[in-house]
């Protein structure tokens, strides 16, 4: 899948931000607890952030797509 195709698909499904189960599964974590531990340990390779007045962790969908594309051989 081309990088533009992946980004387009993720944007259609999730919008500009990803959170919750969609985020941790897209990054390859089986559980939210494992993902949260990785975030606390600083080993997640994309920017994960909180939004004021909202619960949970968020990432830009474009960052997730770019990270996934770096994993795939061209």
C-alpha atoms as a PDB file:
ATOM      1  CA  UNK A   1       0.000   0.000   0.000  1.00  0.00           C
ATOM      2  CA  UNK A   2       1.344   3.428  -0.909  1.00  0.00           C
ATOM      3  CA  UNK A   3       1.956   5.851   1.948  1.00  0.00           C
ATOM      4  CA  UNK A   4      -0.632   8.306   0.585  1.00  0.00           C
ATOM      5  CA  UNK A   5      -3.218   5.514   0.389  1.00  0.00           C
ATOM      6  CA  UNK A   6      -2.630   4.514   4.009  1.00  0.00           C
ATOM      7  CA  UNK A   7      -2.897   8.089   5.232  1.00  0.00           C
ATOM      8  CA  UNK A   8      -6.066   8.670   3.231  1.00  0.00           C
ATOM      9  CA  UNK A   9      -7.652   5.486   4.578  1.00  0.00           C
ATOM     10  CA  UNK A  10      -6.759   6.291   8.185  1.00  0.00           C
ATOM     11  CA  UNK A  11      -8.037   9.846   7.836  1.00  0.00           C
ATOM     12  CA  UNK A  12     -11.342   8.581   6.452  1.00  0.00           C
ATOM     13  CA  UNK A  13     -11.726   6.106   9.322  1.00  0.00           C
ATOM     14  CA  UNK A  14     -10.451   8.194  12.244  1.00  0.00           C
ATOM     15  CA  UNK A  15     -10.217  11.840  11.267  1.00  0.00           C
ATOM     16  CA  UNK A  16      -7.146  13.942  12.077  1.00  0.00           C
ATOM     17  CA  UNK A  17      -6.644  12.435  15.564  1.00  0.00           C
ATOM     18  CA  UNK A  18      -6.500   8.867  16.795  1.00  0.00           C
ATOM     19  CA  UNK A  19      -7.158   7.713  20.348  1.00  0.00           C
ATOM     20  CA  UNK A  20      -8.202   4.704  22.365  1.00  0.00           C
ATOM     21  CA  UNK A  21      -8.233   1.204  20.956  1.00  0.00           C
ATOM     22  CA  UNK A  22      -7.659   2.409  17.385  1.00  0.00           C
ATOM     23  CA  UNK A  23      -4.468   4.193  18.391  1.00  0.00           C
ATOM     24  CA  UNK A  24      -2.870   1.462  20.460  1.00  0.00           C
ATOM     25  CA  UNK A  25      -3.748  -1.246  17.943  1.00  0.00           C
ATOM     26  CA  UNK A  26      -2.416   0.786  15.006  1.00  0.00           C
ATOM     27  CA  UNK A  27       0.889   1.076  16.863  1.00  0.00           C
ATOM     28  CA  UNK A  28       1.004  -2.673  17.472  1.00  0.00           C
ATOM     29  CA  UNK A  29       0.064  -2.836  21.156  1.00  0.00           C
ATOM     30  CA  UNK A  30      -2.332  -5.596  22.198  1.00  0.00           C
ATOM     31  CA  UNK A  31      -3.647  -3.680  25.196  1.00  0.00           C
ATOM     32  CA  UNK A  32      -4.117  -0.125  26.368  1.00  0.00           C
ATOM     33  CA  UNK A  33      -2.082  -0.966  29.491  1.00  0.00           C
ATOM     34  CA  UNK A  34       0.927  -1.984  27.394  1.00  0.00           C
ATOM     35  CA  UNK A  35       0.604   1.126  25.290  1.00  0.00           C
ATOM     36  CA  UNK A  36       0.326   3.374  28.372  1.00  0.00           C
ATOM     37  CA  UNK A  37       3.429   1.754  29.873  1.00  0.00           C
ATOM     38  CA  UNK A  38       5.356   2.368  26.637  1.00  0.00           C
ATOM     39  CA  UNK A  39       4.254   6.009  26.603  1.00  0.00           C
ATOM     40  CA  UNK A  40       5.354   6.477  30.225  1.00  0.00           C
ATOM     41  CA  UNK A  41       8.670   4.812  29.390  1.00  0.00           C
ATOM     42  CA  UNK A  42       9.225   7.127  26.434  1.00  0.00           C
ATOM     43  CA  UNK A  43       9.570   4.334  23.878  1.00  0.00           C
ATOM     44  CA  UNK A  44       6.674   5.258  21.582  1.00  0.00           C
ATOM     45  CA  UNK A  45       8.251   6.798  18.497  1.00  0.00           C
ATOM     46  CA  UNK A  46       5.520   9.316  17.698  1.00  0.00           C
ATOM     47  CA  UNK A  47       4.176  12.287  19.647  1.00  0.00           C
ATOM     48  CA  UNK A  48       1.441  11.204  22.046  1.00  0.00           C
ATOM     49  CA  UNK A  49      -0.402  13.979  23.844  1.00  0.00           C
ATOM     50  CA  UNK A  50      -3.349  14.868  26.055  1.00  0.00           C
ATOM     51  CA  UNK A  51      -6.046  17.351  25.118  1.00  0.00           C
ATOM     52  CA  UNK A  52      -7.256  19.874  27.704  1.00  0.00           C
ATOM     53  CA  UNK A  53     -10.565  18.826  29.193  1.00  0.00           C
ATOM     54  CA  UNK A  54     -10.502  15.360  27.605  1.00  0.00           C
ATOM     55  CA  UNK A  55      -9.476  11.959  28.870  1.00  0.00           C
ATOM     56  CA  UNK A  56      -7.078   9.666  27.077  1.00  0.00           C
ATOM     57  CA  UNK A  57      -4.027   9.963  24.899  1.00  0.00           C
ATOM     58  CA  UNK A  58      -4.049  11.220  21.332  1.00  0.00           C
ATOM     59  CA  UNK A  59      -1.806  11.172  18.268  1.00  0.00           C
ATOM     60  CA  UNK A  60      -2.077  12.813  14.892  1.00  0.00           C
ATOM     61  CA  UNK A  61      -3.319  10.331  12.322  1.00  0.00           C
ATOM     62  CA  UNK A  62      -0.666  11.524   9.884  1.00  0.00           C
ATOM     63  CA  UNK A  63       2.076  10.699  12.429  1.00  0.00           C
ATOM     64  CA  UNK A  64       0.666   7.183  12.851  1.00  0.00           C
ATOM     65  CA  UNK A  65       0.559   6.647   9.060  1.00  0.00           C
ATOM     66  CA  UNK A  66       4.114   7.957   8.611  1.00  0.00           C
ATOM     67  CA  UNK A  67       5.400   5.701  11.389  1.00  0.00           C
ATOM     68  CA  UNK A  68       3.715   2.628   9.872  1.00  0.00           C
ATOM     69  CA  UNK A  69       5.139   3.453   6.454  1.00  0.00           C
ATOM     70  CA  UNK A  70       8.673   3.659   7.862  1.00  0.00           C
ATOM     71  CA  UNK A  71       8.295   0.049   9.075  1.00  0.00           C
ATOM     72  CA  UNK A  72       7.474  -1.349   5.662  1.00  0.00           C
ATOM     73  CA  UNK A  73      10.218  -2.125   3.172  1.00  0.00           C
ATOM     74  CA  UNK A  74       9.721  -0.176  -0.029  1.00  0.00           C
END
